[in-house]
C-alpha atoms as a PDB file:
ATOM      1  CA  MET A   1      -9.760  28.365   2.599  1.00  0.00           C
ATOM      2  CA  PRO A   2      -8.226  26.809   5.433  1.00  0.00           C
ATOM      3  CA  VAL A   3      -8.151  28.635   8.782  1.00  0.00           C
ATOM      4  CA  PRO A   4      -4.448  28.038  10.010  1.00  0.00           C
ATOM      5  CA  ASN A   5      -3.502  27.315  13.632  1.00  0.00           C
ATOM      6  CA  PRO A   6       0.011  28.931  13.743  1.00  0.00           C
ATOM      7  CA  ASP A   7       0.665  27.951  17.371  1.00  0.00           C
ATOM      8  CA  ALA A   8      -0.487  24.415  16.840  1.00  0.00           C
ATOM      9  CA  PHE A   9       2.009  24.127  14.035  1.00  0.00           C
ATOM     10  CA  ALA A  10       4.745  25.786  15.673  1.00  0.00           C
ATOM     11  CA  PHE A  11       4.419  23.306  18.542  1.00  0.00           C
ATOM     12  CA  LEU A  12       4.808  20.360  15.869  1.00  0.00           C
ATOM     13  CA  GLU A  13       7.548  21.833  14.157  1.00  0.00           C
ATOM     14  CA  THR A  14       9.484  22.205  17.182  1.00  0.00           C
ATOM     15  CA  ARG A  15       8.411  19.397  19.674  1.00  0.00           C
ATOM     16  CA  ARG A  16      10.974  16.835  21.153  1.00  0.00           C
ATOM     17  CA  SER A  17      10.602  14.387  23.445  1.00  0.00           C
ATOM     18  CA  ARG A  18      12.580  14.520  26.765  1.00  0.00           C
ATOM     19  CA  PRO A  19      14.656  11.731  28.142  1.00  0.00           C
ATOM     20  CA  ALA A  20      12.518   9.547  30.565  1.00  0.00           C
ATOM     21  CA  LYS A  21      15.345   9.492  33.025  1.00  0.00           C
ATOM     22  CA  THR A  22      15.320  13.384  33.413  1.00  0.00           C
ATOM     23  CA  LEU A  23      11.742  13.572  34.151  1.00  0.00           C
ATOM     24  CA  GLY A  24      11.059  14.403  38.043  1.00  0.00           C
ATOM     25  CA  LEU A  25       8.585  15.577  40.250  1.00  0.00           C
ATOM     26  CA  PRO A  26       6.017  17.050  40.267  1.00  0.00           C
ATOM     27  CA  VAL A  27       3.871  14.774  37.722  1.00  0.00           C
ATOM     28  CA  PRO A  28       0.610  15.875  36.313  1.00  0.00           C
ATOM     29  CA  PRO A  29      -2.398  15.655  38.659  1.00  0.00           C
ATOM     30  CA  ARG A  30      -5.056  12.833  37.968  1.00  0.00           C
ATOM     31  CA  ASP A  31      -7.570  15.428  36.361  1.00  0.00           C
ATOM     32  CA  MET A  32      -4.874  16.482  33.899  1.00  0.00           C
ATOM     33  CA  ILE A  33      -3.975  12.981  33.126  1.00  0.00           C
ATOM     34  CA  LYS A  34      -7.798  12.310  32.465  1.00  0.00           C
ATOM     35  CA  ARG A  35      -7.667  15.469  29.930  1.00  0.00           C
ATOM     36  CA  LEU A  36      -4.482  14.198  28.431  1.00  0.00           C
ATOM     37  CA  LEU A  37      -6.184  10.435  28.026  1.00  0.00           C
ATOM     38  CA  THR A  38      -9.495  12.215  26.552  1.00  0.00           C
ATOM     39  CA  ALA A  39      -7.449  14.082  24.266  1.00  0.00           C
ATOM     40  CA  ALA A  40      -5.282  11.122  23.045  1.00  0.00           C
ATOM     41  CA  ALA A  41      -8.704   9.026  22.539  1.00  0.00           C
ATOM     42  CA  ARG A  42      -9.558  11.378  19.714  1.00  0.00           C
ATOM     43  CA  THR A  43      -6.890   9.459  17.492  1.00  0.00           C
ATOM     44  CA  PRO A  44      -7.839   8.258  14.131  1.00  0.00           C
ATOM     45  CA  ASP A  45      -9.669   5.105  14.829  1.00  0.00           C
ATOM     46  CA  HIS A  46     -10.900   3.271  11.575  1.00  0.00           C
ATOM     47  CA  GLY A  47     -14.407   1.749  12.384  1.00  0.00           C
ATOM     48  CA  LYS A  48     -14.312   3.062  15.978  1.00  0.00           C
ATOM     49  CA  LEU A  49     -13.043  -0.210  17.462  1.00  0.00           C
ATOM     50  CA  GLU A  50     -10.925   1.742  20.230  1.00  0.00           C
ATOM     51  CA  PRO A  51      -8.390  -0.909  19.799  1.00  0.00           C
ATOM     52  CA  TRP A  52      -6.398   0.514  22.775  1.00  0.00           C
ATOM     53  CA  ARG A  53      -6.955   1.014  26.408  1.00  0.00           C
ATOM     54  CA  PHE A  54      -4.901   2.834  28.976  1.00  0.00           C
ATOM     55  CA  ILE A  55      -3.038   1.694  32.572  1.00  0.00           C
ATOM     56  CA  VAL A  56      -1.763   4.772  34.475  1.00  0.00           C
ATOM     57  CA  LEU A  57       1.326   3.621  36.438  1.00  0.00           C
ATOM     58  CA  GLU A  58       1.831   5.803  39.474  1.00  0.00           C
ATOM     59  CA  ALA A  59       5.010   6.020  41.872  1.00  0.00           C
ATOM     60  CA  GLY A  60       3.893   3.180  43.857  1.00  0.00           C
ATOM     61  CA  ALA A  61       3.474   0.826  40.953  1.00  0.00           C
ATOM     62  CA  MET A  62       6.913   1.451  39.944  1.00  0.00           C
ATOM     63  CA  PRO A  63       9.193  -0.828  42.236  1.00  0.00           C
ATOM     64  CA  ALA A  64       7.321  -4.030  41.881  1.00  0.00           C
ATOM     65  CA  LEU A  65       7.755  -3.600  37.961  1.00  0.00           C
ATOM     66  CA  ALA A  66      11.137  -2.777  38.235  1.00  0.00           C
ATOM     67  CA  ASP A  67      11.606  -6.093  40.233  1.00  0.00           C
ATOM     68  CA  LEU A  68       9.616  -8.059  37.801  1.00  0.00           C
ATOM     69  CA  ALA A  69      11.842  -6.746  34.841  1.00  0.00           C
ATOM     70  CA  GLN A  70      14.790  -7.873  36.847  1.00  0.00           C
ATOM     71  CA  THR A  71      13.138 -11.239  37.644  1.00  0.00           C
ATOM     72  CA  ARG A  72      12.116 -11.815  33.768  1.00  0.00           C
ATOM     73  CA  GLY A  73      15.415 -10.759  32.567  1.00  0.00           C
ATOM     74  CA  GLU A  74      17.146 -13.370  34.654  1.00  0.00           C
ATOM     75  CA  ALA A  75      14.656 -15.820  33.408  1.00  0.00           C
ATOM     76  CA  LEU A  76      15.420 -14.953  29.776  1.00  0.00           C
ATOM     77  CA  GLY A  77      19.117 -15.052  30.376  1.00  0.00           C
ATOM     78  CA  LEU A  78      19.761 -11.337  29.374  1.00  0.00           C
ATOM     79  CA  ASP A  79      23.149  -9.730  30.272  1.00  0.00           C
ATOM     80  CA  ALA A  80      23.384  -7.536  33.098  1.00  0.00           C
ATOM     81  CA  GLU A  81      23.363  -4.326  31.132  1.00  0.00           C
ATOM     82  CA  LYS A  82      20.089  -5.291  29.251  1.00  0.00           C
ATOM     83  CA  ILE A  83      18.484  -6.341  32.620  1.00  0.00           C
ATOM     84  CA  ALA A  84      19.524  -2.812  34.088  1.00  0.00           C
ATOM     85  CA  LYS A  85      18.035  -0.813  31.052  1.00  0.00           C
ATOM     86  CA  GLY A  86      14.912  -2.897  31.275  1.00  0.00           C
ATOM     87  CA  ARG A  87      14.480  -2.238  34.778  1.00  0.00           C
ATOM     88  CA  SER A  88      15.742   1.615  34.784  1.00  0.00           C
ATOM     89  CA  GLN A  89      12.364   3.146  33.370  1.00  0.00           C
ATOM     90  CA  PHE A  90      10.545   1.636  36.555  1.00  0.00           C
ATOM     91  CA  ASP A  91      13.412   2.538  38.786  1.00  0.00           C
ATOM     92  CA  GLN A  92      13.492   6.011  37.578  1.00  0.00           C
ATOM     93  CA  GLY A  93       9.810   6.627  36.721  1.00  0.00           C
ATOM     94  CA  ASN A  94       7.468   8.672  38.835  1.00  0.00           C
ATOM     95  CA  LEU A  95       4.322   8.433  36.431  1.00  0.00           C
ATOM     96  CA  ALA A  96       3.856   6.352  33.301  1.00  0.00           C
ATOM     97  CA  VAL A  97       0.751   5.928  30.788  1.00  0.00           C
ATOM     98  CA  VAL A  98       0.835   2.178  29.530  1.00  0.00           C
ATOM     99  CA  VAL A  99      -0.999   2.345  26.111  1.00  0.00           C
ATOM    100  CA  VAL A 100      -2.060  -1.378  25.753  1.00  0.00           C
ATOM    101  CA  GLU A 101      -3.144  -2.274  22.049  1.00  0.00           C
ATOM    102  CA  VAL A 102      -6.142  -4.374  22.076  1.00  0.00           C
ATOM    103  CA  GLN A 103      -6.749  -6.240  19.043  1.00  0.00           C
ATOM    104  CA  LYS A 104     -10.592  -6.741  18.294  1.00  0.00           C
ATOM    105  CA  PRO A 105     -12.047  -9.084  15.801  1.00  0.00           C
ATOM    106  CA  SER A 106     -13.584  -7.057  12.496  1.00  0.00           C
ATOM    107  CA  GLU A 107     -14.142  -8.088   9.084  1.00  0.00           C
ATOM    108  CA  LYS A 108     -13.380  -4.456   7.958  1.00  0.00           C
ATOM    109  CA  ILE A 109     -10.400  -3.376   9.907  1.00  0.00           C
ATOM    110  CA  PRO A 110      -7.269  -5.351   9.659  1.00  0.00           C
ATOM    111  CA  PRO A 111      -5.137  -5.924  12.695  1.00  0.00           C
ATOM    112  CA  LEU A 112      -2.228  -3.725  11.192  1.00  0.00           C
ATOM    113  CA  GLU A 113      -4.661  -0.671  10.857  1.00  0.00           C
ATOM    114  CA  GLN A 114      -5.632  -1.397  14.891  1.00  0.00           C
ATOM    115  CA  THR A 115      -1.714  -1.411  15.437  1.00  0.00           C
ATOM    116  CA  TYR A 116      -1.384   2.092  13.613  1.00  0.00           C
ATOM    117  CA  SER A 117      -4.264   3.573  15.671  1.00  0.00           C
ATOM    118  CA  ALA A 118      -2.388   2.466  18.893  1.00  0.00           C
ATOM    119  CA  GLY A 119       0.678   3.882  18.112  1.00  0.00           C
ATOM    120  CA  ALA A 120      -1.234   7.067  17.149  1.00  0.00           C
ATOM    121  CA  VAL A 121      -2.695   7.131  20.495  1.00  0.00           C
ATOM    122  CA  CYS A 122       0.855   6.977  21.848  1.00  0.00           C
ATOM    123  CA  LEU A 123       1.896   9.860  19.883  1.00  0.00           C
ATOM    124  CA  ALA A 124      -1.217  12.100  20.562  1.00  0.00           C
ATOM    125  CA  LEU A 125      -0.816  11.485  24.568  1.00  0.00           C
ATOM    126  CA  LEU A 126       3.284  12.153  24.213  1.00  0.00           C
ATOM    127  CA  ASN A 127       2.176  15.535  22.219  1.00  0.00           C
ATOM    128  CA  GLY A 128      -0.581  16.229  24.566  1.00  0.00           C
ATOM    129  CA  ALA A 129       1.722  16.151  27.444  1.00  0.00           C
ATOM    130  CA  LEU A 130       4.440  18.236  25.826  1.00  0.00           C
ATOM    131  CA  ALA A 131       1.863  20.864  24.736  1.00  0.00           C
ATOM    132  CA  ASN A 132       0.672  21.280  28.234  1.00  0.00           C
ATOM    133  CA  GLY A 133       4.245  22.155  29.450  1.00  0.00           C
ATOM    134  CA  TRP A 134       5.191  18.533  30.917  1.00  0.00           C
ATOM    135  CA  GLY A 135       8.266  16.648  29.560  1.00  0.00           C
ATOM    136  CA  ALA A 136       7.202  13.335  28.115  1.00  0.00           C
ATOM    137  CA  ASN A 137       8.865  10.306  26.575  1.00  0.00           C
ATOM    138  CA  TRP A 138       7.527   7.505  24.704  1.00  0.00           C
ATOM    139  CA  LEU A 139       9.484   3.986  25.965  1.00  0.00           C
ATOM    140  CA  SER A 140       9.122   0.704  25.165  1.00  0.00           C
ATOM    141  CA  GLY A 141      12.109  -1.811  25.819  1.00  0.00           C
ATOM    142  CA  TRP A 142      12.407  -5.520  26.054  1.00  0.00           C
ATOM    143  CA  PRO A 143       9.999  -5.903  29.021  1.00  0.00           C
ATOM    144  CA  SER A 144       7.357  -4.328  26.827  1.00  0.00           C
ATOM    145  CA  HIS A 145       7.638  -7.371  24.399  1.00  0.00           C
ATOM    146  CA  ASP A 146       7.759  -9.984  26.981  1.00  0.00           C
ATOM    147  CA  ARG A 147       4.575 -11.777  27.201  1.00  0.00           C
ATOM    148  CA  ALA A 148       5.230 -12.838  31.178  1.00  0.00           C
ATOM    149  CA  PHE A 149       5.790  -9.048  32.119  1.00  0.00           C
ATOM    150  CA  MET A 150       2.647  -7.937  30.090  1.00  0.00           C
ATOM    151  CA  ARG A 151       0.633 -10.628  32.062  1.00  0.00           C
ATOM    152  CA  ASP A 152       2.116 -10.791  35.428  1.00  0.00           C
ATOM    153  CA  GLY A 153       3.033  -7.074  35.685  1.00  0.00           C
ATOM    154  CA  LEU A 154       0.085  -5.330  33.820  1.00  0.00           C
ATOM    155  CA  GLY A 155      -2.461  -8.029  33.980  1.00  0.00           C
ATOM    156  CA  LEU A 156      -2.628  -8.215  29.958  1.00  0.00           C
ATOM    157  CA  ALA A 157      -4.646 -10.803  28.054  1.00  0.00           C
ATOM    158  CA  ASP A 158      -3.400 -12.939  25.408  1.00  0.00           C
ATOM    159  CA  HIS A 159      -5.008 -10.572  22.817  1.00  0.00           C
ATOM    160  CA  GLU A 160      -3.591  -7.385  24.246  1.00  0.00           C
ATOM    161  CA  ARG A 161       0.040  -5.845  24.018  1.00  0.00           C
ATOM    162  CA  ILE A 162       1.940  -2.858  24.941  1.00  0.00           C
ATOM    163  CA  ALA A 163       2.026  -0.260  22.367  1.00  0.00           C
ATOM    164  CA  GLY A 164       4.020   2.067  24.410  1.00  0.00           C
ATOM    165  CA  LEU A 165       4.822   3.521  27.974  1.00  0.00           C
ATOM    166  CA  ILE A 166       4.590   7.202  27.807  1.00  0.00           C
ATOM    167  CA  HIS A 167       6.333   8.646  30.884  1.00  0.00           C
ATOM    168  CA  ILE A 168       5.420  12.123  31.890  1.00  0.00           C
ATOM    169  CA  GLY A 169       6.830  14.204  34.504  1.00  0.00           C
ATOM    170  CA  THR A 170       8.626  17.564  34.955  1.00  0.00           C
ATOM    171  CA  GLU A 171      11.758  18.491  32.785  1.00  0.00           C
ATOM    172  CA  THR A 172      14.760  18.590  35.056  1.00  0.00           C
ATOM    173  CA  SER A 173      17.125  19.462  32.126  1.00  0.00           C
ATOM    174  CA  THR A 174      16.757  20.595  28.543  1.00  0.00           C
ATOM    175  CA  PRO A 175      18.342  17.961  26.276  1.00  0.00           C
ATOM    176  CA  PRO A 176      20.224  19.138  23.013  1.00  0.00           C
ATOM    177  CA  ASP A 177      18.258  19.012  19.799  1.00  0.00           C
ATOM    178  CA  ARG A 178      19.251  15.905  17.775  1.00  0.00           C
ATOM    179  CA  PRO A 179      19.596  15.711  13.939  1.00  0.00           C
ATOM    180  CA  ARG A 180      16.196  15.600  12.256  1.00  0.00           C
ATOM    181  CA  PRO A 181      15.495  13.659   8.919  1.00  0.00           C
ATOM    182  CA  ASP A 182      16.683  15.216   5.405  1.00  0.00           C
ATOM    183  CA  ILE A 183      13.116  15.634   3.908  1.00  0.00           C
ATOM    184  CA  GLU A 184      14.517  16.029   0.508  1.00  0.00           C
ATOM    185  CA  ALA A 185      16.139  12.574   0.833  1.00  0.00           C
ATOM    186  CA  ILE A 186      13.240  10.692   2.025  1.00  0.00           C
ATOM    187  CA  THR A 187      10.450  12.549  -0.114  1.00  0.00           C
ATOM    188  CA  THR A 188       9.337  11.200  -3.693  1.00  0.00           C
ATOM    189  CA  TRP A 189       7.050  13.584  -5.630  1.00  0.00           C
ATOM    190  CA  HIS A 190       4.491  12.254  -8.002  1.00  0.00           C
ATOM    191  CA  SER A 191       2.657  14.699 -10.228  1.00  0.00           C
ATOM    192  CA  ALA A 192       1.463  12.657 -13.118  1.00  0.00           C
END
């Protein structure tokens, strides 16, 4: 018979991200970040490839990334609103963990499964931060998909890409809950 963990399940039933722009100081200390990364690295990883790695962006790294987002947005010909949105997570951020997907050659593990594992790491890190009382948000945005931003700002190699930026800090305001999926509408049962 299974042994339930009602506290963990209650957390999962009520978890919600906090908008990154509402995350303030303090941020978790390095020892807590290491614990969160250790927990996130326990994610499903078919073949034990570890097709991901972490880059921790502390407050001092944010201004240069904001400026790079501005420069790249202008070079790409993006409109001012899109550029501002792309740089805002770095202008407003105090701490973020970049989860980097690292595709690894494998005859057994297809690239898509490696992508799924990197996404699972993002969610595990997000949930770990929330479960420890921190506010957290998983962002991406156009800079996350711009190869020059990834290369010049974060030193990513050609076989690497950003799976997500997990912003972590102290929640400064409680957001209202949002509508959740209608489980009946999106679930099909097969019994035979």
